[in-house]
């Protein structure tokens, strides 16, 4: 299980989504776009940050388990 690879993929996809959203905001900037961002994207980006931290901790734990089993 390669958690660092999966984390890198998650972070890259999230960064691309953020860039795409910034581009979208150039063409869609009204109350509904702000509502969408507040209700969907803010929480999504916060969840990705939490998942990233959790993946780091899980990878450290798995490395310890592997080391202890050797």
PDB file of N, CA and C in Angstrom:
ATOM      1  N   UNK A   1       0.846  -1.173   0.000  1.00  0.00           N
ATOM      2  CA  UNK A   1       0.000   0.000   0.000  1.00  0.00           C
ATOM      3  C   UNK A   1       0.896   1.244   0.000  1.00  0.00           C
ATOM      4  N   UNK A   2       0.774   2.058  -1.014  1.00  0.00           N
ATOM      5  CA  UNK A   2       1.608   3.241  -1.159  1.00  0.00           C
ATOM      6  C   UNK A   2       0.784   4.487  -0.831  1.00  0.00           C
ATOM      7  N   UNK A   3       0.755   4.830   0.438  1.00  0.00           N
ATOM      8  CA  UNK A   3      -0.052   5.967   0.865  1.00  0.00           C
ATOM      9  C   UNK A   3       0.517   7.295   0.397  1.00  0.00           C
ATOM     10  N   UNK A   4       1.819   7.408   0.340  1.00  0.00           N
ATOM     11  CA  UNK A   4       2.401   8.679  -0.091  1.00  0.00           C
ATOM     12  C   UNK A   4       2.049   8.964  -1.549  1.00  0.00           C
ATOM     13  N   UNK A   5       2.006   7.938  -2.365  1.00  0.00           N
ATOM     14  CA  UNK A   5       1.602   8.105  -3.758  1.00  0.00           C
ATOM     15  C   UNK A   5       0.149   8.524  -3.877  1.00  0.00           C
ATOM     16  N   UNK A   6      -0.686   7.904  -3.059  1.00  0.00           N
ATOM     17  CA  UNK A   6      -2.107   8.256  -3.076  1.00  0.00           C
ATOM     18  C   UNK A   6      -2.324   9.680  -2.551  1.00  0.00           C
ATOM     19  N   UNK A   7      -1.558  10.043  -1.523  1.00  0.00           N
ATOM     20  CA  UNK A   7      -1.656  11.396  -0.991  1.00  0.00           C
ATOM     21  C   UNK A   7      -1.223  12.405  -2.053  1.00  0.00           C
ATOM     22  N   UNK A   8      -0.142  12.117  -2.741  1.00  0.00           N
ATOM     23  CA  UNK A   8       0.332  13.024  -3.793  1.00  0.00           C
ATOM     24  C   UNK A   8      -0.720  13.196  -4.878  1.00  0.00           C
ATOM     25  N   UNK A   9      -1.351  12.110  -5.248  1.00  0.00           N
ATOM     26  CA  UNK A   9      -2.420  12.175  -6.270  1.00  0.00           C
ATOM     27  C   UNK A   9      -3.586  13.012  -5.769  1.00  0.00           C
ATOM     28  N   UNK A  10      -3.995  12.796  -4.530  1.00  0.00           N
ATOM     29  CA  UNK A  10      -5.092  13.564  -3.944  1.00  0.00           C
ATOM     30  C   UNK A  10      -4.759  15.053  -3.919  1.00  0.00           C
ATOM     31  N   UNK A  11      -3.543  15.377  -3.518  1.00  0.00           N
ATOM     32  CA  UNK A  11      -3.144  16.780  -3.440  1.00  0.00           C
ATOM     33  C   UNK A  11      -3.067  17.415  -4.826  1.00  0.00           C
ATOM     34  N   UNK A  12      -2.565  16.675  -5.802  1.00  0.00           N
ATOM     35  CA  UNK A  12      -2.479  17.204  -7.168  1.00  0.00           C
ATOM     36  C   UNK A  12      -3.867  17.445  -7.755  1.00  0.00           C
ATOM     37  N   UNK A  13      -4.774  16.513  -7.533  1.00  0.00           N
ATOM     38  CA  UNK A  13      -6.136  16.682  -8.039  1.00  0.00           C
ATOM     39  C   UNK A  13      -6.842  17.845  -7.355  1.00  0.00           C
ATOM     40  N   UNK A  14      -6.600  18.013  -6.064  1.00  0.00           N
ATOM     41  CA  UNK A  14      -7.203  19.114  -5.330  1.00  0.00           C
ATOM     42  C   UNK A  14      -6.645  20.448  -5.815  1.00  0.00           C
ATOM     43  N   UNK A  15      -5.359  20.486  -6.068  1.00  0.00           N
ATOM     44  CA  UNK A  15      -4.749  21.714  -6.589  1.00  0.00           C
ATOM     45  C   UNK A  15      -5.335  22.061  -7.953  1.00  0.00           C
ATOM     46  N   UNK A  16      -5.504  21.040  -8.802  1.00  0.00           N
ATOM     47  CA  UNK A  16      -6.091  21.286 -10.124  1.00  0.00           C
ATOM     48  C   UNK A  16      -7.532  21.777 -10.001  1.00  0.00           C
ATOM     49  N   UNK A  17      -8.285  21.195  -9.091  1.00  0.00           N
ATOM     50  CA  UNK A  17      -9.653  21.654  -8.861  1.00  0.00           C
ATOM     51  C   UNK A  17      -9.668  23.109  -8.419  1.00  0.00           C
ATOM     52  N   UNK A  18      -8.762  23.463  -7.542  1.00  0.00           N
ATOM     53  CA  UNK A  18      -8.668  24.841  -7.074  1.00  0.00           C
ATOM     54  C   UNK A  18      -8.355  25.796  -8.229  1.00  0.00           C
ATOM     55  N   UNK A  19      -7.430  25.400  -9.086  1.00  0.00           N
ATOM     56  CA  UNK A  19      -7.095  26.223 -10.254  1.00  0.00           C
ATOM     57  C   UNK A  19      -8.274  26.335 -11.214  1.00  0.00           C
ATOM     58  N   UNK A  20      -8.952  25.221 -11.436  1.00  0.00           N
ATOM     59  CA  UNK A  20     -10.131  25.232 -12.311  1.00  0.00           C
ATOM     60  C   UNK A  20     -11.238  26.107 -11.728  1.00  0.00           C
ATOM     61  N   UNK A  21     -11.406  26.043 -10.413  1.00  0.00           N
ATOM     62  CA  UNK A  21     -12.427  26.870  -9.782  1.00  0.00           C
ATOM     63  C   UNK A  21     -12.078  28.354  -9.924  1.00  0.00           C
ATOM     64  N   UNK A  22     -10.822  28.688  -9.761  1.00  0.00           N
ATOM     65  CA  UNK A  22     -10.391  30.078  -9.922  1.00  0.00           C
ATOM     66  C   UNK A  22     -10.702  30.566 -11.338  1.00  0.00           C
ATOM     67  N   UNK A  23     -10.468  29.722 -12.317  1.00  0.00           N
ATOM     68  CA  UNK A  23     -10.784  30.078 -13.710  1.00  0.00           C
ATOM     69  C   UNK A  23     -12.296  30.225 -13.893  1.00  0.00           C
ATOM     70  N   UNK A  24     -13.050  29.331 -13.304  1.00  0.00           N
ATOM     71  CA  UNK A  24     -14.511  29.400 -13.397  1.00  0.00           C
ATOM     72  C   UNK A  24     -15.031  30.694 -12.795  1.00  0.00           C
ATOM     73  N   UNK A  25     -14.435  31.093 -11.684  1.00  0.00           N
ATOM     74  CA  UNK A  25     -14.875  32.328 -11.024  1.00  0.00           C
ATOM     75  C   UNK A  25     -14.679  33.558 -11.912  1.00  0.00           C
ATOM     76  N   UNK A  26     -13.780  33.485 -12.885  1.00  0.00           N
ATOM     77  CA  UNK A  26     -13.621  34.591 -13.834  1.00  0.00           C
ATOM     78  C   UNK A  26     -14.862  34.790 -14.695  1.00  0.00           C
ATOM     79  N   UNK A  27     -15.652  33.707 -14.843  1.00  0.00           N
ATOM     80  CA  UNK A  27     -16.834  33.755 -15.708  1.00  0.00           C
ATOM     81  C   UNK A  27     -18.141  33.634 -14.931  1.00  0.00           C
ATOM     82  N   UNK A  28     -18.053  33.147 -13.715  1.00  0.00           N
ATOM     83  CA  UNK A  28     -19.259  32.934 -12.908  1.00  0.00           C
ATOM     84  C   UNK A  28     -18.997  33.523 -11.528  1.00  0.00           C
ATOM     85  N   UNK A  29     -19.424  34.740 -11.359  1.00  0.00           N
ATOM     86  CA  UNK A  29     -19.164  35.426 -10.098  1.00  0.00           C
ATOM     87  C   UNK A  29     -20.418  36.136  -9.640  1.00  0.00           C
ATOM     88  N   UNK A  30     -21.322  35.371  -9.082  1.00  0.00           N
ATOM     89  CA  UNK A  30     -22.553  35.935  -8.538  1.00  0.00           C
ATOM     90  C   UNK A  30     -22.825  35.300  -7.178  1.00  0.00           C
ATOM     91  N   UNK A  31     -23.971  35.567  -6.642  1.00  0.00           N
ATOM     92  CA  UNK A  31     -24.291  35.041  -5.308  1.00  0.00           C
ATOM     93  C   UNK A  31     -24.340  33.516  -5.299  1.00  0.00           C
ATOM     94  N   UNK A  32     -24.782  32.913  -6.396  1.00  0.00           N
ATOM     95  CA  UNK A  32     -24.847  31.444  -6.455  1.00  0.00           C
ATOM     96  C   UNK A  32     -23.449  30.831  -6.509  1.00  0.00           C
ATOM     97  N   UNK A  33     -22.518  31.478  -7.176  1.00  0.00           N
ATOM     98  CA  UNK A  33     -21.151  30.940  -7.199  1.00  0.00           C
ATOM     99  C   UNK A  33     -20.521  31.040  -5.817  1.00  0.00           C
ATOM    100  N   UNK A  34     -20.777  32.139  -5.134  1.00  0.00           N
ATOM    101  CA  UNK A  34     -20.246  32.290  -3.775  1.00  0.00           C
ATOM    102  C   UNK A  34     -20.895  31.277  -2.826  1.00  0.00           C
ATOM    103  N   UNK A  35     -22.181  31.034  -3.021  1.00  0.00           N
ATOM    104  CA  UNK A  35     -22.871  30.025  -2.209  1.00  0.00           C
ATOM    105  C   UNK A  35     -22.307  28.637  -2.476  1.00  0.00           C
ATOM    106  N   UNK A  36     -22.084  28.317  -3.751  1.00  0.00           N
ATOM    107  CA  UNK A  36     -21.503  27.021  -4.110  1.00  0.00           C
ATOM    108  C   UNK A  36     -20.131  26.850  -3.459  1.00  0.00           C
ATOM    109  N   UNK A  37     -19.313  27.888  -3.557  1.00  0.00           N
ATOM    110  CA  UNK A  37     -17.975  27.815  -2.970  1.00  0.00           C
ATOM    111  C   UNK A  37     -18.052  27.609  -1.461  1.00  0.00           C
ATOM    112  N   UNK A  38     -18.910  28.371  -0.812  1.00  0.00           N
ATOM    113  CA  UNK A  38     -19.027  28.277   0.648  1.00  0.00           C
ATOM    114  C   UNK A  38     -19.600  26.930   1.089  1.00  0.00           C
ATOM    115  N   UNK A  39     -20.575  26.423   0.367  1.00  0.00           N
ATOM    116  CA  UNK A  39     -21.247  25.193   0.789  1.00  0.00           C
ATOM    117  C   UNK A  39     -20.519  23.929   0.357  1.00  0.00           C
ATOM    118  N   UNK A  40     -19.781  23.999  -0.733  1.00  0.00           N
ATOM    119  CA  UNK A  40     -19.169  22.787  -1.273  1.00  0.00           C
ATOM    120  C   UNK A  40     -17.639  22.800  -1.199  1.00  0.00           C
ATOM    121  N   UNK A  41     -17.045  23.801  -1.777  1.00  0.00           N
ATOM    122  CA  UNK A  41     -15.594  23.763  -1.955  1.00  0.00           C
ATOM    123  C   UNK A  41     -14.820  24.040  -0.674  1.00  0.00           C
ATOM    124  N   UNK A  42     -15.283  24.952   0.131  1.00  0.00           N
ATOM    125  CA  UNK A  42     -14.563  25.249   1.374  1.00  0.00           C
ATOM    126  C   UNK A  42     -14.463  23.988   2.227  1.00  0.00           C
ATOM    127  N   UNK A  43     -15.571  23.285   2.373  1.00  0.00           N
ATOM    128  CA  UNK A  43     -15.559  22.052   3.175  1.00  0.00           C
ATOM    129  C   UNK A  43     -14.746  20.960   2.489  1.00  0.00           C
ATOM    130  N   UNK A  44     -14.838  20.867   1.174  1.00  0.00           N
ATOM    131  CA  UNK A  44     -14.060  19.866   0.451  1.00  0.00           C
ATOM    132  C   UNK A  44     -12.567  20.083   0.667  1.00  0.00           C
ATOM    133  N   UNK A  45     -12.108  21.318   0.508  1.00  0.00           N
ATOM    134  CA  UNK A  45     -10.682  21.598   0.686  1.00  0.00           C
ATOM    135  C   UNK A  45     -10.239  21.354   2.132  1.00  0.00           C
ATOM    136  N   UNK A  46     -11.090  21.682   3.081  1.00  0.00           N
ATOM    137  CA  UNK A  46     -10.767  21.414   4.486  1.00  0.00           C
ATOM    138  C   UNK A  46     -10.691  19.901   4.733  1.00  0.00           C
ATOM    139  N   UNK A  47     -11.599  19.158   4.131  1.00  0.00           N
ATOM    140  CA  UNK A  47     -11.593  17.698   4.282  1.00  0.00           C
ATOM    141  C   UNK A  47     -10.347  17.080   3.666  1.00  0.00           C
ATOM    142  N   UNK A  48      -9.913  17.604   2.538  1.00  0.00           N
ATOM    143  CA  UNK A  48      -8.695  17.098   1.900  1.00  0.00           C
ATOM    144  C   UNK A  48      -7.489  17.365   2.799  1.00  0.00           C
ATOM    145  N   UNK A  49      -7.442  18.537   3.413  1.00  0.00           N
ATOM    146  CA  UNK A  49      -6.338  18.838   4.339  1.00  0.00           C
ATOM    147  C   UNK A  49      -6.331  17.856   5.507  1.00  0.00           C
ATOM    148  N   UNK A  50      -7.506  17.583   6.068  1.00  0.00           N
ATOM    149  CA  UNK A  50      -7.585  16.627   7.175  1.00  0.00           C
ATOM    150  C   UNK A  50      -7.174  15.232   6.707  1.00  0.00           C
ATOM    151  N   UNK A  51      -7.627  14.852   5.527  1.00  0.00           N
ATOM    152  CA  UNK A  51      -7.266  13.527   4.989  1.00  0.00           C
ATOM    153  C   UNK A  51      -5.765  13.432   4.765  1.00  0.00           C
ATOM    154  N   UNK A  52      -5.161  14.495   4.279  1.00  0.00           N
ATOM    155  CA  UNK A  52      -3.715  14.518   4.059  1.00  0.00           C
ATOM    156  C   UNK A  52      -2.969  14.282   5.369  1.00  0.00           C
ATOM    157  N   UNK A  53      -3.369  14.977   6.418  1.00  0.00           N
ATOM    158  CA  UNK A  53      -2.742  14.777   7.729  1.00  0.00           C
ATOM    159  C   UNK A  53      -2.952  13.356   8.233  1.00  0.00           C
ATOM    160  N   UNK A  54      -4.132  12.826   8.029  1.00  0.00           N
ATOM    161  CA  UNK A  54      -4.437  11.462   8.466  1.00  0.00           C
ATOM    162  C   UNK A  54      -3.614  10.444   7.692  1.00  0.00           C
ATOM    163  N   UNK A  55      -3.444  10.669   6.389  1.00  0.00           N
ATOM    164  CA  UNK A  55      -2.616   9.761   5.593  1.00  0.00           C
ATOM    165  C   UNK A  55      -1.173   9.769   6.066  1.00  0.00           C
ATOM    166  N   UNK A  56      -0.654  10.936   6.442  1.00  0.00           N
ATOM    167  CA  UNK A  56       0.703  11.011   6.984  1.00  0.00           C
ATOM    168  C   UNK A  56       0.827  10.177   8.255  1.00  0.00           C
ATOM    169  N   UNK A  57      -0.134  10.328   9.148  1.00  0.00           N
ATOM    170  CA  UNK A  57      -0.112   9.571  10.401  1.00  0.00           C
ATOM    171  C   UNK A  57      -0.251   8.075  10.151  1.00  0.00           C
ATOM    172  N   UNK A  58      -1.123   7.716   9.223  1.00  0.00           N
ATOM    173  CA  UNK A  58      -1.333   6.303   8.913  1.00  0.00           C
ATOM    174  C   UNK A  58      -0.088   5.698   8.289  1.00  0.00           C
ATOM    175  N   UNK A  59       0.571   6.445   7.415  1.00  0.00           N
ATOM    176  CA  UNK A  59       1.800   5.932   6.817  1.00  0.00           C
ATOM    177  C   UNK A  59       2.882   5.725   7.883  1.00  0.00           C
ATOM    178  N   UNK A  60       3.000   6.659   8.805  1.00  0.00           N
ATOM    179  CA  UNK A  60       3.979   6.501   9.888  1.00  0.00           C
ATOM    180  C   UNK A  60       3.648   5.262  10.724  1.00  0.00           C
ATOM    181  N   UNK A  61       2.393   5.054  11.013  1.00  0.00           N
ATOM    182  CA  UNK A  61       1.977   3.888  11.783  1.00  0.00           C
ATOM    183  C   UNK A  61       2.269   2.597  11.026  1.00  0.00           C
ATOM    184  N   UNK A  62       1.959   2.570   9.745  1.00  0.00           N
ATOM    185  CA  UNK A  62       2.240   1.374   8.949  1.00  0.00           C
ATOM    186  C   UNK A  62       3.738   1.093   8.880  1.00  0.00           C
ATOM    187  N   UNK A  63       4.546   2.133   8.759  1.00  0.00           N
ATOM    188  CA  UNK A  63       5.999   1.943   8.746  1.00  0.00           C
ATOM    189  C   UNK A  63       6.480   1.369  10.067  1.00  0.00           C
ATOM    190  N   UNK A  64       5.894   1.824  11.170  1.00  0.00           N
ATOM    191  CA  UNK A  64       6.263   1.295  12.480  1.00  0.00           C
ATOM    192  C   UNK A  64       5.862  -0.178  12.594  1.00  0.00           C
ATOM    193  N   UNK A  65       4.672  -0.504  12.127  1.00  0.00           N
ATOM    194  CA  UNK A  65       4.215  -1.899  12.186  1.00  0.00           C
ATOM    195  C   UNK A  65       5.144  -2.788  11.356  1.00  0.00           C
ATOM    196  N   UNK A  66       5.482  -2.318  10.144  1.00  0.00           N
ATOM    197  CA  UNK A  66       6.402  -3.099   9.314  1.00  0.00           C
ATOM    198  C   UNK A  66       7.740  -3.303  10.013  1.00  0.00           C
ATOM    199  N   UNK A  67       8.249  -2.234  10.610  1.00  0.00           N
ATOM    200  CA  UNK A  67       9.528  -2.309  11.297  1.00  0.00           C
ATOM    201  C   UNK A  67       9.463  -3.266  12.491  1.00  0.00           C
ATOM    202  N   UNK A  68       8.371  -3.191  13.232  1.00  0.00           N
ATOM    203  CA  UNK A  68       8.220  -4.055  14.402  1.00  0.00           C
ATOM    204  C   UNK A  68       8.083  -5.528  14.022  1.00  0.00           C
ATOM    205  N   UNK A  69       7.566  -5.786  12.827  1.00  0.00           N
ATOM    206  CA  UNK A  69       7.342  -7.165  12.383  1.00  0.00           C
ATOM    207  C   UNK A  69       8.591  -7.803  11.770  1.00  0.00           C
ATOM    208  N   UNK A  70       9.601  -7.001  11.538  1.00  0.00           N
ATOM    209  CA  UNK A  70      10.819  -7.541  10.921  1.00  0.00           C
ATOM    210  C   UNK A  70      11.725  -8.180  11.927  1.00  0.00           C
TER     211      UNK A  70
END
